[in-house]
Amino acid sequence: MKHRLQKNIERGFVHHGLTAEKSDSRQKLPPPFHAKPHMKRRIFIKKSSLTILSISAFGAIQWNGKSFVGDTPTTTDILGPFYRPGAPIKSNLIPTGSKGTPLNLAGTIFQNDGKTPLTNALVEIWHCDEMAHYDNTSEDYIFRGAAKTGKNGKYDFKTIVPVPYQANPNDEFSWRPAHIHMRVSSDSQQDLITQIYFRGDKYIDTDRNSKAPQAVNRILSISKNSSNENVVTFDIVMSKEFPLDEGAYKRITGLYQLDKNTIEFTKNDDLLFMKWNGQLMVSLKYVGNNTFDDGFHKVSFELLPSGGIKATMTIENKTYIAEKFLKYPD
């Protein structure tokens, strides 16, 4: 039974972008959660004998058949397993000797109104090299970098066009299209985790994340500028930040047990990160009703009368329950 549970979870990660992506050491690793709040605070409240998170009402993004309409047109995507905090501020990510196809990636970060440029936002990007490897260990942060926006909200990076790769060499359905991961952070707006893809990639229609309706505006064309350089423009609209109460985070963060797996939830700015057996995989936003979500998967927390905490996770339409066994000191 336990073996079957582990296999089912791993199968879900492989087919839906939750397995290890290729790294410089070619290691394979296992497990990533979008919404827009309307209330200004979320706090723990008492209801009967159960302590729960307060429920909020949210804005919505709707697909009208042609485009997304709503208050946050830039949609989220999975964090992936190889996010490295602390990438250096640098706009040119191409190392000496790279044989990849050069690419200029630029755009404007807007506040949640979709019109006002967002000043002093931190834009981080990371992706694989031309050999489908991620740099996860070097001090050079190869094909990883960050930039701060000025008053005009603009950012730009000089990098290469990443390549598709097979996340699991034993699974023909685990091919991921070429993509660039992005994180945009701001003191005044909700942090955004997303990815961009490239039009014409043959794996877009088979990858769970890129073929989802919410990714349609993030599949971009590569064009040429006046200098005959490859250019991609990606403008981003942020959403309002409504941070969860610190007391709530203190209650739900810590270590949880699921069969033989250890799951760790930690707070990162206004996001909830999830590690699976020590590997960072998931970035979650609070969506109300005790639930965190990334647009593809979700985790709901239940605070029991006994003082224990239960996390119910939905992965590939299957439900798994983990129980907290270690609370971090205040």
C-alpha atoms as a PDB file:
ATOM      1  CA  MET A   1       0.000   0.000   0.000  1.00  0.00           C
ATOM      2  CA  LYS A   2       2.759   2.397   0.951  1.00  0.00           C
ATOM      3  CA  HIS A   3       4.733   1.477  -2.159  1.00  0.00           C
ATOM      4  CA  ARG A   4       1.648   2.095  -4.323  1.00  0.00           C
ATOM      5  CA  LEU A   5       1.068   5.486  -2.693  1.00  0.00           C
ATOM      6  CA  GLN A   6       4.643   6.591  -3.386  1.00  0.00           C
ATOM      7  CA  LYS A   7       4.423   5.410  -7.005  1.00  0.00           C
ATOM      8  CA  ASN A   8       1.133   7.257  -7.570  1.00  0.00           C
ATOM      9  CA  ILE A   9       2.576  10.492  -6.212  1.00  0.00           C
ATOM     10  CA  GLU A  10       5.761  10.181  -8.242  1.00  0.00           C
ATOM     11  CA  ARG A  11       3.722   9.446 -11.380  1.00  0.00           C
ATOM     12  CA  GLY A  12       1.748  12.625 -10.804  1.00  0.00           C
ATOM     13  CA  PHE A  13       4.945  14.644 -10.460  1.00  0.00           C
ATOM     14  CA  VAL A  14       6.440  13.167 -13.639  1.00  0.00           C
ATOM     15  CA  HIS A  15       3.461  13.824 -15.875  1.00  0.00           C
ATOM     16  CA  HIS A  16       2.698  17.276 -14.594  1.00  0.00           C
ATOM     17  CA  GLY A  17       6.001  19.050 -14.342  1.00  0.00           C
ATOM     18  CA  LEU A  18       6.534  18.150 -10.698  1.00  0.00           C
ATOM     19  CA  THR A  19       9.500  15.882 -11.218  1.00  0.00           C
ATOM     20  CA  ALA A  20      13.064  16.968 -11.245  1.00  0.00           C
ATOM     21  CA  GLU A  21      14.066  19.096 -14.164  1.00  0.00           C
ATOM     22  CA  LYS A  22      17.558  18.425 -15.486  1.00  0.00           C
ATOM     23  CA  SER A  23      20.416  19.916 -13.532  1.00  0.00           C
ATOM     24  CA  ASP A  24      24.135  20.209 -14.013  1.00  0.00           C
ATOM     25  CA  SER A  25      24.519  16.979 -12.063  1.00  0.00           C
ATOM     26  CA  ARG A  26      21.666  15.270 -13.969  1.00  0.00           C
ATOM     27  CA  GLN A  27      20.010  14.413 -10.678  1.00  0.00           C
ATOM     28  CA  LYS A  28      16.330  13.457 -10.693  1.00  0.00           C
ATOM     29  CA  LEU A  29      14.181  14.791  -7.901  1.00  0.00           C
ATOM     30  CA  PRO A  30      10.462  14.688  -7.001  1.00  0.00           C
ATOM     31  CA  PRO A  31       7.209  17.824  -6.300  1.00  0.00           C
ATOM     32  CA  PRO A  32       4.335  23.005  -7.242  1.00  0.00           C
ATOM     33  CA  PHE A  33      -0.096  26.308  -6.090  1.00  0.00           C
ATOM     34  CA  HIS A  34      -3.158  31.459  -7.986  1.00  0.00           C
ATOM     35  CA  ALA A  35      -5.943  33.585  -6.890  1.00  0.00           C
ATOM     36  CA  LYS A  36      -6.681  37.163  -6.006  1.00  0.00           C
ATOM     37  CA  PRO A  37      -7.861  38.159  -2.543  1.00  0.00           C
ATOM     38  CA  HIS A  38     -10.376  40.825  -1.704  1.00  0.00           C
ATOM     39  CA  MET A  39      -9.960  41.191   2.057  1.00  0.00           C
ATOM     40  CA  LYS A  40      -7.163  43.180   3.662  1.00  0.00           C
ATOM     41  CA  ARG A  41      -6.267  40.641   6.354  1.00  0.00           C
ATOM     42  CA  ARG A  42      -6.596  36.930   6.967  1.00  0.00           C
ATOM     43  CA  ILE A  43      -6.570  35.875  10.561  1.00  0.00           C
ATOM     44  CA  PHE A  44      -7.318  32.749  12.544  1.00  0.00           C
ATOM     45  CA  ILE A  45     -10.831  32.784  13.937  1.00  0.00           C
ATOM     46  CA  LYS A  46     -12.779  30.549  16.277  1.00  0.00           C
ATOM     47  CA  LYS A  47     -15.664  28.517  14.917  1.00  0.00           C
ATOM     48  CA  SER A  48     -17.167  25.771  17.073  1.00  0.00           C
ATOM     49  CA  SER A  49     -14.296  23.640  18.338  1.00  0.00           C
ATOM     50  CA  LEU A  50     -12.198  24.128  15.186  1.00  0.00           C
ATOM     51  CA  THR A  51      -9.753  26.944  14.564  1.00  0.00           C
ATOM     52  CA  ILE A  52      -9.712  27.919  10.892  1.00  0.00           C
ATOM     53  CA  LEU A  53      -8.426  30.581   8.549  1.00  0.00           C
ATOM     54  CA  SER A  54     -10.924  33.271   7.721  1.00  0.00           C
ATOM     55  CA  ILE A  55     -12.553  32.992   4.290  1.00  0.00           C
ATOM     56  CA  SER A  56     -12.058  35.693   1.699  1.00  0.00           C
ATOM     57  CA  ALA A  57     -13.788  36.720  -1.517  1.00  0.00           C
ATOM     58  CA  PHE A  58     -11.619  36.968  -4.579  1.00  0.00           C
ATOM     59  CA  GLY A  59     -11.422  38.612  -7.934  1.00  0.00           C
ATOM     60  CA  ALA A  60     -11.347  36.236 -10.876  1.00  0.00           C
ATOM     61  CA  ILE A  61      -9.722  35.623 -14.203  1.00  0.00           C
ATOM     62  CA  GLN A  62     -12.049  34.248 -16.861  1.00  0.00           C
ATOM     63  CA  TRP A  63     -11.293  32.856 -20.299  1.00  0.00           C
ATOM     64  CA  ASN A  64     -13.727  34.355 -22.855  1.00  0.00           C
ATOM     65  CA  GLY A  65     -12.565  32.159 -25.718  1.00  0.00           C
ATOM     66  CA  LYS A  66     -10.104  34.703 -27.054  1.00  0.00           C
ATOM     67  CA  SER A  67      -8.237  36.161 -24.112  1.00  0.00           C
ATOM     68  CA  PHE A  68      -8.184  36.377 -20.332  1.00  0.00           C
ATOM     69  CA  VAL A  69     -10.335  39.074 -18.796  1.00  0.00           C
ATOM     70  CA  GLY A  70     -10.108  40.108 -15.171  1.00  0.00           C
ATOM     71  CA  ASP A  71      -8.097  42.070 -12.689  1.00  0.00           C
ATOM     72  CA  THR A  72      -4.865  40.060 -13.060  1.00  0.00           C
ATOM     73  CA  PRO A  73      -4.071  39.065 -16.662  1.00  0.00           C
ATOM     74  CA  THR A  74      -0.623  37.661 -15.835  1.00  0.00           C
ATOM     75  CA  THR A  75      -1.174  34.112 -14.656  1.00  0.00           C
ATOM     76  CA  THR A  76       0.955  31.938 -12.437  1.00  0.00           C
ATOM     77  CA  ASP A  77       2.863  28.768 -13.230  1.00  0.00           C
ATOM     78  CA  ILE A  78       4.708  26.157 -11.198  1.00  0.00           C
ATOM     79  CA  LEU A  79       7.865  27.128  -9.330  1.00  0.00           C
ATOM     80  CA  GLY A  80       9.775  24.010 -10.374  1.00  0.00           C
ATOM     81  CA  PRO A  81      12.476  22.283  -8.333  1.00  0.00           C
ATOM     82  CA  PHE A  82      15.475  24.471  -9.118  1.00  0.00           C
ATOM     83  CA  TYR A  83      14.674  27.941  -7.862  1.00  0.00           C
ATOM     84  CA  ARG A  84      17.770  29.385  -6.127  1.00  0.00           C
ATOM     85  CA  PRO A  85      17.271  32.453  -3.942  1.00  0.00           C
ATOM     86  CA  GLY A  86      19.974  35.104  -4.041  1.00  0.00           C
ATOM     87  CA  ALA A  87      20.654  35.300  -7.770  1.00  0.00           C
ATOM     88  CA  PRO A  88      22.985  38.263  -8.442  1.00  0.00           C
ATOM     89  CA  ILE A  89      21.826  41.489 -10.023  1.00  0.00           C
ATOM     90  CA  LYS A  90      23.000  41.163 -13.620  1.00  0.00           C
ATOM     91  CA  SER A  91      21.360  41.740 -16.998  1.00  0.00           C
ATOM     92  CA  ASN A  92      23.755  39.734 -19.172  1.00  0.00           C
ATOM     93  CA  LEU A  93      23.416  36.050 -18.288  1.00  0.00           C
ATOM     94  CA  ILE A  94      25.404  34.585 -21.184  1.00  0.00           C
ATOM     95  CA  PRO A  95      28.670  33.023 -19.959  1.00  0.00           C
ATOM     96  CA  THR A  96      31.852  32.949 -22.006  1.00  0.00           C
ATOM     97  CA  GLY A  97      31.852  30.042 -24.415  1.00  0.00           C
ATOM     98  CA  SER A  98      28.090  29.568 -24.550  1.00  0.00           C
ATOM     99  CA  LYS A  99      26.868  28.092 -27.831  1.00  0.00           C
ATOM    100  CA  GLY A 100      23.213  28.889 -27.188  1.00  0.00           C
ATOM    101  CA  THR A 101      21.094  31.139 -29.402  1.00  0.00           C
ATOM    102  CA  PRO A 102      21.217  34.681 -27.930  1.00  0.00           C
ATOM    103  CA  LEU A 103      17.918  36.191 -26.802  1.00  0.00           C
ATOM    104  CA  ASN A 104      16.920  39.606 -25.475  1.00  0.00           C
ATOM    105  CA  LEU A 105      14.074  39.298 -22.954  1.00  0.00           C
ATOM    106  CA  ALA A 106      12.490  42.591 -21.880  1.00  0.00           C
ATOM    107  CA  GLY A 107       9.224  44.040 -20.680  1.00  0.00           C
ATOM    108  CA  THR A 108       7.415  46.295 -18.247  1.00  0.00           C
ATOM    109  CA  ILE A 109       6.071  45.397 -14.814  1.00  0.00           C
ATOM    110  CA  PHE A 110       2.740  47.093 -14.056  1.00  0.00           C
ATOM    111  CA  GLN A 111       0.860  47.467 -10.809  1.00  0.00           C
ATOM    112  CA  ASN A 112      -2.449  45.669 -10.385  1.00  0.00           C
ATOM    113  CA  ASP A 113      -4.307  48.398 -12.299  1.00  0.00           C
ATOM    114  CA  GLY A 114      -2.483  47.287 -15.430  1.00  0.00           C
ATOM    115  CA  LYS A 115      -1.431  50.866 -16.219  1.00  0.00           C
ATOM    116  CA  THR A 116       0.969  52.180 -13.577  1.00  0.00           C
ATOM    117  CA  PRO A 117       4.617  51.010 -13.903  1.00  0.00           C
ATOM    118  CA  LEU A 118       5.858  49.220 -10.793  1.00  0.00           C
ATOM    119  CA  THR A 119       9.025  50.784  -9.386  1.00  0.00           C
ATOM    120  CA  ASN A 120      11.712  48.842  -7.522  1.00  0.00           C
ATOM    121  CA  ALA A 121      10.302  45.394  -8.299  1.00  0.00           C
ATOM    122  CA  LEU A 122      12.791  42.525  -8.177  1.00  0.00           C
ATOM    123  CA  VAL A 123      12.637  40.400 -11.334  1.00  0.00           C
ATOM    124  CA  GLU A 124      14.404  37.031 -11.160  1.00  0.00           C
ATOM    125  CA  ILE A 125      14.765  34.608 -14.056  1.00  0.00           C
ATOM    126  CA  TRP A 126      16.324  31.160 -14.381  1.00  0.00           C
ATOM    127  CA  HIS A 127      16.416  28.473 -17.067  1.00  0.00           C
ATOM    128  CA  CYS A 128      18.490  25.595 -18.417  1.00  0.00           C
ATOM    129  CA  ASP A 129      21.459  25.972 -20.740  1.00  0.00           C
ATOM    130  CA  GLU A 130      21.760  24.759 -24.342  1.00  0.00           C
ATOM    131  CA  MET A 131      22.551  21.262 -23.021  1.00  0.00           C
ATOM    132  CA  ALA A 132      19.360  21.157 -20.921  1.00  0.00           C
ATOM    133  CA  HIS A 133      21.266  21.505 -17.624  1.00  0.00           C
ATOM    134  CA  TYR A 134      20.438  23.795 -14.712  1.00  0.00           C
ATOM    135  CA  ASP A 135      23.232  25.346 -12.689  1.00  0.00           C
ATOM    136  CA  ASN A 136      22.213  24.482  -9.143  1.00  0.00           C
ATOM    137  CA  THR A 137      25.499  24.759  -7.298  1.00  0.00           C
ATOM    138  CA  SER A 138      28.053  27.146  -8.799  1.00  0.00           C
ATOM    139  CA  GLU A 139      28.770  30.606  -7.459  1.00  0.00           C
ATOM    140  CA  ASP A 140      28.390  31.925 -11.014  1.00  0.00           C
ATOM    141  CA  TYR A 141      24.597  31.403 -11.081  1.00  0.00           C
ATOM    142  CA  ILE A 142      24.776  30.475 -14.768  1.00  0.00           C
ATOM    143  CA  PHE A 143      21.607  31.473 -16.620  1.00  0.00           C
ATOM    144  CA  ARG A 144      20.248  32.894 -13.381  1.00  0.00           C
ATOM    145  CA  GLY A 145      19.988  36.594 -12.702  1.00  0.00           C
ATOM    146  CA  ALA A 146      17.948  39.425 -11.230  1.00  0.00           C
ATOM    147  CA  ALA A 147      17.115  43.039 -12.066  1.00  0.00           C
ATOM    148  CA  LYS A 148      15.367  45.906 -10.287  1.00  0.00           C
ATOM    149  CA  THR A 149      12.826  48.012 -12.179  1.00  0.00           C
ATOM    150  CA  GLY A 150      13.166  51.795 -12.320  1.00  0.00           C
ATOM    151  CA  LYS A 151      10.382  54.375 -12.400  1.00  0.00           C
ATOM    152  CA  ASN A 152       9.340  53.150 -15.838  1.00  0.00           C
ATOM    153  CA  GLY A 153       8.845  49.596 -14.557  1.00  0.00           C
ATOM    154  CA  LYS A 154      11.073  48.143 -17.249  1.00  0.00           C
ATOM    155  CA  TYR A 155      13.418  45.162 -17.036  1.00  0.00           C
ATOM    156  CA  ASP A 156      15.672  43.480 -19.586  1.00  0.00           C
ATOM    157  CA  PHE A 157      17.965  40.457 -19.756  1.00  0.00           C
ATOM    158  CA  LYS A 158      20.382  39.196 -22.368  1.00  0.00           C
ATOM    159  CA  THR A 159      20.368  35.399 -22.262  1.00  0.00           C
ATOM    160  CA  ILE A 160      19.875  32.446 -24.622  1.00  0.00           C
ATOM    161  CA  VAL A 161      16.873  30.525 -25.889  1.00  0.00           C
ATOM    162  CA  PRO A 162      16.592  27.501 -23.574  1.00  0.00           C
ATOM    163  CA  VAL A 163      15.913  24.070 -25.021  1.00  0.00           C
ATOM    164  CA  PRO A 164      13.213  21.467 -24.365  1.00  0.00           C
ATOM    165  CA  TYR A 165      14.222  18.491 -22.232  1.00  0.00           C
ATOM    166  CA  GLN A 166      12.930  15.150 -21.043  1.00  0.00           C
ATOM    167  CA  ALA A 167      12.468  15.446 -17.290  1.00  0.00           C
ATOM    168  CA  ASN A 168      12.396  11.689 -16.819  1.00  0.00           C
ATOM    169  CA  PRO A 169      14.491   9.694 -19.317  1.00  0.00           C
ATOM    170  CA  ASN A 170      12.228   6.683 -18.758  1.00  0.00           C
ATOM    171  CA  ASP A 171       9.012   8.569 -19.503  1.00  0.00           C
ATOM    172  CA  GLU A 172       8.339   9.766 -23.046  1.00  0.00           C
ATOM    173  CA  PHE A 173       5.471  11.915 -21.744  1.00  0.00           C
ATOM    174  CA  SER A 174       7.728  13.944 -19.431  1.00  0.00           C
ATOM    175  CA  TRP A 175       9.113  16.279 -22.132  1.00  0.00           C
ATOM    176  CA  ARG A 176       8.964  19.924 -21.115  1.00  0.00           C
ATOM    177  CA  PRO A 177       8.918  22.650 -23.779  1.00  0.00           C
ATOM    178  CA  ALA A 178      11.607  25.324 -23.663  1.00  0.00           C
ATOM    179  CA  HIS A 179      10.727  27.787 -20.916  1.00  0.00           C
ATOM    180  CA  ILE A 180      12.066  30.549 -18.699  1.00  0.00           C
ATOM    181  CA  HIS A 181      11.078  30.726 -15.038  1.00  0.00           C
ATOM    182  CA  MET A 182      10.321  34.135 -13.535  1.00  0.00           C
ATOM    183  CA  ARG A 183       9.661  35.500 -10.083  1.00  0.00           C
ATOM    184  CA  VAL A 184       8.604  39.120  -9.554  1.00  0.00           C
ATOM    185  CA  SER A 185       8.664  40.463  -5.991  1.00  0.00           C
ATOM    186  CA  SER A 186       7.468  43.784  -4.612  1.00  0.00           C
ATOM    187  CA  ASP A 187       6.684  45.216  -1.192  1.00  0.00           C
ATOM    188  CA  SER A 188       3.346  46.565  -2.434  1.00  0.00           C
ATOM    189  CA  GLN A 189       2.121  43.761  -4.699  1.00  0.00           C
ATOM    190  CA  GLN A 190       1.577  40.003  -4.487  1.00  0.00           C
ATOM    191  CA  ASP A 191       4.688  38.078  -5.519  1.00  0.00           C
ATOM    192  CA  LEU A 192       4.313  36.358  -8.882  1.00  0.00           C
ATOM    193  CA  ILE A 193       5.767  32.996  -9.919  1.00  0.00           C
ATOM    194  CA  THR A 194       5.348  32.258 -13.623  1.00  0.00           C
ATOM    195  CA  GLN A 195       6.960  30.871 -16.773  1.00  0.00           C
ATOM    196  CA  ILE A 196       7.118  31.890 -20.420  1.00  0.00           C
ATOM    197  CA  TYR A 197       7.121  29.516 -23.395  1.00  0.00           C
ATOM    198  CA  PHE A 198       7.974  29.941 -27.070  1.00  0.00           C
ATOM    199  CA  ARG A 199       5.542  29.688 -29.948  1.00  0.00           C
ATOM    200  CA  GLY A 200       6.203  26.754 -32.258  1.00  0.00           C
ATOM    201  CA  ASP A 201       7.662  24.443 -29.612  1.00  0.00           C
ATOM    202  CA  LYS A 202       6.295  20.981 -30.392  1.00  0.00           C
ATOM    203  CA  TYR A 203       5.998  20.035 -26.724  1.00  0.00           C
ATOM    204  CA  ILE A 204       3.643  22.873 -25.734  1.00  0.00           C
ATOM    205  CA  ASP A 205       0.559  20.826 -26.592  1.00  0.00           C
ATOM    206  CA  THR A 206       1.657  17.844 -24.495  1.00  0.00           C
ATOM    207  CA  ASP A 207       3.017  19.577 -21.379  1.00  0.00           C
ATOM    208  CA  ARG A 208       0.367  19.955 -18.676  1.00  0.00           C
ATOM    209  CA  ASN A 209       1.408  23.461 -17.687  1.00  0.00           C
ATOM    210  CA  SER A 210       2.017  25.043 -21.107  1.00  0.00           C
ATOM    211  CA  LYS A 211      -1.147  23.600 -22.663  1.00  0.00           C
ATOM    212  CA  ALA A 212      -3.371  24.890 -19.851  1.00  0.00           C
ATOM    213  CA  PRO A 213      -5.708  27.768 -20.832  1.00  0.00           C
ATOM    214  CA  GLN A 214      -4.065  30.097 -18.296  1.00  0.00           C
ATOM    215  CA  ALA A 215      -0.742  29.813 -20.151  1.00  0.00           C
ATOM    216  CA  VAL A 216      -2.038  31.062 -23.517  1.00  0.00           C
ATOM    217  CA  ASN A 217      -0.822  34.635 -23.015  1.00  0.00           C
ATOM    218  CA  ARG A 218       2.591  33.391 -21.913  1.00  0.00           C
ATOM    219  CA  ILE A 219       3.387  31.528 -25.142  1.00  0.00           C
ATOM    220  CA  LEU A 220       5.448  34.147 -26.914  1.00  0.00           C
ATOM    221  CA  SER A 221       6.863  34.711 -30.376  1.00  0.00           C
ATOM    222  CA  ILE A 222      10.549  35.404 -30.937  1.00  0.00           C
ATOM    223  CA  SER A 223      11.006  38.376 -33.258  1.00  0.00           C
ATOM    224  CA  LYS A 224      13.969  40.355 -34.626  1.00  0.00           C
ATOM    225  CA  ASN A 225      14.945  43.898 -33.677  1.00  0.00           C
ATOM    226  CA  SER A 226      16.674  46.460 -35.903  1.00  0.00           C
ATOM    227  CA  SER A 227      20.036  44.839 -35.108  1.00  0.00           C
ATOM    228  CA  ASN A 228      18.722  41.432 -36.227  1.00  0.00           C
ATOM    229  CA  GLU A 229      18.806  40.150 -32.633  1.00  0.00           C
ATOM    230  CA  ASN A 230      16.249  37.719 -31.220  1.00  0.00           C
ATOM    231  CA  VAL A 231      13.776  39.564 -29.008  1.00  0.00           C
ATOM    232  CA  VAL A 232      10.916  38.506 -26.732  1.00  0.00           C
ATOM    233  CA  THR A 233       8.752  41.080 -24.954  1.00  0.00           C
ATOM    234  CA  PHE A 234       6.807  40.045 -21.880  1.00  0.00           C
ATOM    235  CA  ASP A 235       4.828  42.658 -19.950  1.00  0.00           C
ATOM    236  CA  ILE A 236       3.511  41.676 -16.540  1.00  0.00           C
ATOM    237  CA  VAL A 237       0.553  42.904 -14.514  1.00  0.00           C
ATOM    238  CA  MET A 238       0.812  42.222 -10.793  1.00  0.00           C
ATOM    239  CA  SER A 239      -1.977  41.673  -8.274  1.00  0.00           C
ATOM    240  CA  LYS A 240      -2.664  43.285  -4.924  1.00  0.00           C
ATOM    241  CA  GLU A 241      -0.878  42.006  -1.865  1.00  0.00           C
ATOM    242  CA  PHE A 242      -3.069  40.922   1.030  1.00  0.00           C
ATOM    243  CA  PRO A 243      -0.653  39.170   3.365  1.00  0.00           C
ATOM    244  CA  LEU A 244      -1.796  36.326   5.544  1.00  0.00           C
ATOM    245  CA  ASP A 245      -1.599  37.028   9.251  1.00  0.00           C
ATOM    246  CA  GLU A 246       1.821  36.141  10.697  1.00  0.00           C
ATOM    247  CA  GLY A 247       0.179  34.082  13.410  1.00  0.00           C
ATOM    248  CA  ALA A 248      -1.447  31.901  10.770  1.00  0.00           C
ATOM    249  CA  TYR A 249       1.861  31.242   9.067  1.00  0.00           C
ATOM    250  CA  LYS A 250       3.447  30.270  12.385  1.00  0.00           C
ATOM    251  CA  ARG A 251       0.747  27.675  12.938  1.00  0.00           C
ATOM    252  CA  ILE A 252       0.907  26.015   9.542  1.00  0.00           C
ATOM    253  CA  THR A 253       4.665  26.128   8.823  1.00  0.00           C
ATOM    254  CA  GLY A 254       6.792  23.184   9.884  1.00  0.00           C
ATOM    255  CA  LEU A 255       7.311  19.538   8.979  1.00  0.00           C
ATOM    256  CA  TYR A 256       4.542  17.130   7.933  1.00  0.00           C
ATOM    257  CA  GLN A 257       4.569  13.374   7.433  1.00  0.00           C
ATOM    258  CA  LEU A 258       2.990  11.641   4.414  1.00  0.00           C
ATOM    259  CA  ASP A 259       3.697   7.918   4.433  1.00  0.00           C
ATOM    260  CA  LYS A 260       7.516   7.797   4.236  1.00  0.00           C
ATOM    261  CA  ASN A 261       7.780  11.308   2.803  1.00  0.00           C
ATOM    262  CA  THR A 262       8.626  14.473   4.705  1.00  0.00           C
ATOM    263  CA  ILE A 263       6.924  17.689   3.584  1.00  0.00           C
ATOM    264  CA  GLU A 264       8.059  21.087   4.800  1.00  0.00           C
ATOM    265  CA  PHE A 265       6.087  24.338   4.560  1.00  0.00           C
ATOM    266  CA  THR A 266       7.958  27.628   5.002  1.00  0.00           C
ATOM    267  CA  LYS A 267       7.025  31.289   4.556  1.00  0.00           C
ATOM    268  CA  ASN A 268       8.836  33.208   1.808  1.00  0.00           C
ATOM    269  CA  ASP A 269       7.744  36.845   1.557  1.00  0.00           C
ATOM    270  CA  ASP A 270       3.994  36.573   0.920  1.00  0.00           C
ATOM    271  CA  LEU A 271       4.217  33.027  -0.480  1.00  0.00           C
ATOM    272  CA  LEU A 272       4.143  29.595   1.123  1.00  0.00           C
ATOM    273  CA  PHE A 273       6.933  27.327  -0.157  1.00  0.00           C
ATOM    274  CA  MET A 274       6.690  23.561   0.012  1.00  0.00           C
ATOM    275  CA  LYS A 275       9.638  21.172   0.098  1.00  0.00           C
ATOM    276  CA  TRP A 276       9.189  17.512  -0.710  1.00  0.00           C
ATOM    277  CA  ASN A 277      11.816  15.336   0.968  1.00  0.00           C
ATOM    278  CA  GLY A 278      14.077  18.370   1.229  1.00  0.00           C
ATOM    279  CA  GLN A 279      13.618  19.545  -2.384  1.00  0.00           C
ATOM    280  CA  LEU A 280      11.962  22.924  -2.966  1.00  0.00           C
ATOM    281  CA  MET A 281       9.105  22.323  -5.400  1.00  0.00           C
ATOM    282  CA  VAL A 282       6.005  24.382  -4.713  1.00  0.00           C
ATOM    283  CA  SER A 283       5.087  28.064  -4.373  1.00  0.00           C
ATOM    284  CA  LEU A 284       1.596  28.780  -3.032  1.00  0.00           C
ATOM    285  CA  LYS A 285      -0.639  31.815  -2.681  1.00  0.00           C
ATOM    286  CA  TYR A 286      -3.425  31.989  -0.131  1.00  0.00           C
ATOM    287  CA  VAL A 287      -6.818  31.718  -1.838  1.00  0.00           C
ATOM    288  CA  GLY A 288      -9.128  31.699   1.183  1.00  0.00           C
ATOM    289  CA  ASN A 289     -11.042  28.922   2.923  1.00  0.00           C
ATOM    290  CA  ASN A 290      -7.883  27.539   4.564  1.00  0.00           C
ATOM    291  CA  THR A 291      -6.390  26.832   1.129  1.00  0.00           C
ATOM    292  CA  PHE A 292      -3.211  27.692  -0.781  1.00  0.00           C
ATOM    293  CA  ASP A 293      -3.038  27.175  -4.546  1.00  0.00           C
ATOM    294  CA  ASP A 294      -0.710  27.578  -7.542  1.00  0.00           C
ATOM    295  CA  GLY A 295      -3.329  27.298 -10.280  1.00  0.00           C
ATOM    296  CA  PHE A 296      -2.665  23.580 -10.753  1.00  0.00           C
ATOM    297  CA  HIS A 297      -2.523  22.013  -7.290  1.00  0.00           C
ATOM    298  CA  LYS A 298      -3.681  22.974  -3.834  1.00  0.00           C
ATOM    299  CA  VAL A 299      -3.119  22.408  -0.132  1.00  0.00           C
ATOM    300  CA  SER A 300      -5.794  22.919   2.510  1.00  0.00           C
ATOM    301  CA  PHE A 301      -4.957  23.109   6.207  1.00  0.00           C
ATOM    302  CA  GLU A 302      -7.183  21.958   9.059  1.00  0.00           C
ATOM    303  CA  LEU A 303      -6.385  22.976  12.624  1.00  0.00           C
ATOM    304  CA  LEU A 304      -7.813  20.272  14.844  1.00  0.00           C
ATOM    305  CA  PRO A 305      -9.349  20.693  18.327  1.00  0.00           C
ATOM    306  CA  SER A 306      -6.517  18.555  19.690  1.00  0.00           C
ATOM    307  CA  GLY A 307      -4.014  21.165  18.508  1.00  0.00           C
ATOM    308  CA  GLY A 308      -2.739  19.059  15.639  1.00  0.00           C
ATOM    309  CA  ILE A 309      -2.673  20.278  12.042  1.00  0.00           C
ATOM    310  CA  LYS A 310      -3.651  18.322   8.938  1.00  0.00           C
ATOM    311  CA  ALA A 311      -2.674  19.248   5.380  1.00  0.00           C
ATOM    312  CA  THR A 312      -4.841  17.900   2.560  1.00  0.00           C
ATOM    313  CA  MET A 313      -3.019  18.041  -0.776  1.00  0.00           C
ATOM    314  CA  THR A 314      -4.570  17.635  -4.218  1.00  0.00           C
ATOM    315  CA  ILE A 315      -2.117  16.343  -6.818  1.00  0.00           C
ATOM    316  CA  GLU A 316      -3.287  15.092 -10.222  1.00  0.00           C
ATOM    317  CA  ASN A 317      -6.873  14.987  -8.944  1.00  0.00           C
ATOM    318  CA  LYS A 318      -5.809  12.661  -6.155  1.00  0.00           C
ATOM    319  CA  THR A 319      -5.981  13.581  -2.485  1.00  0.00           C
ATOM    320  CA  TYR A 320      -3.219  12.955   0.054  1.00  0.00           C
ATOM    321  CA  ILE A 321      -3.292  13.806   3.749  1.00  0.00           C
ATOM    322  CA  ALA A 322      -0.209  14.725   5.767  1.00  0.00           C
ATOM    323  CA  GLU A 323       0.009  15.414   9.484  1.00  0.00           C
ATOM    324  CA  LYS A 324       2.300  17.954  11.119  1.00  0.00           C
ATOM    325  CA  PHE A 325       4.882  16.494  13.466  1.00  0.00           C
ATOM    326  CA  LEU A 326       7.320  19.355  14.071  1.00  0.00           C
ATOM    327  CA  LYS A 327       6.539  23.002  14.782  1.00  0.00           C
ATOM    328  CA  TYR A 328       9.273  25.622  14.401  1.00  0.00           C
ATOM    329  CA  PRO A 329      10.057  27.730  17.476  1.00  0.00           C
ATOM    330  CA  ASP A 330       8.492  31.211  17.550  1.00  0.00           C
END
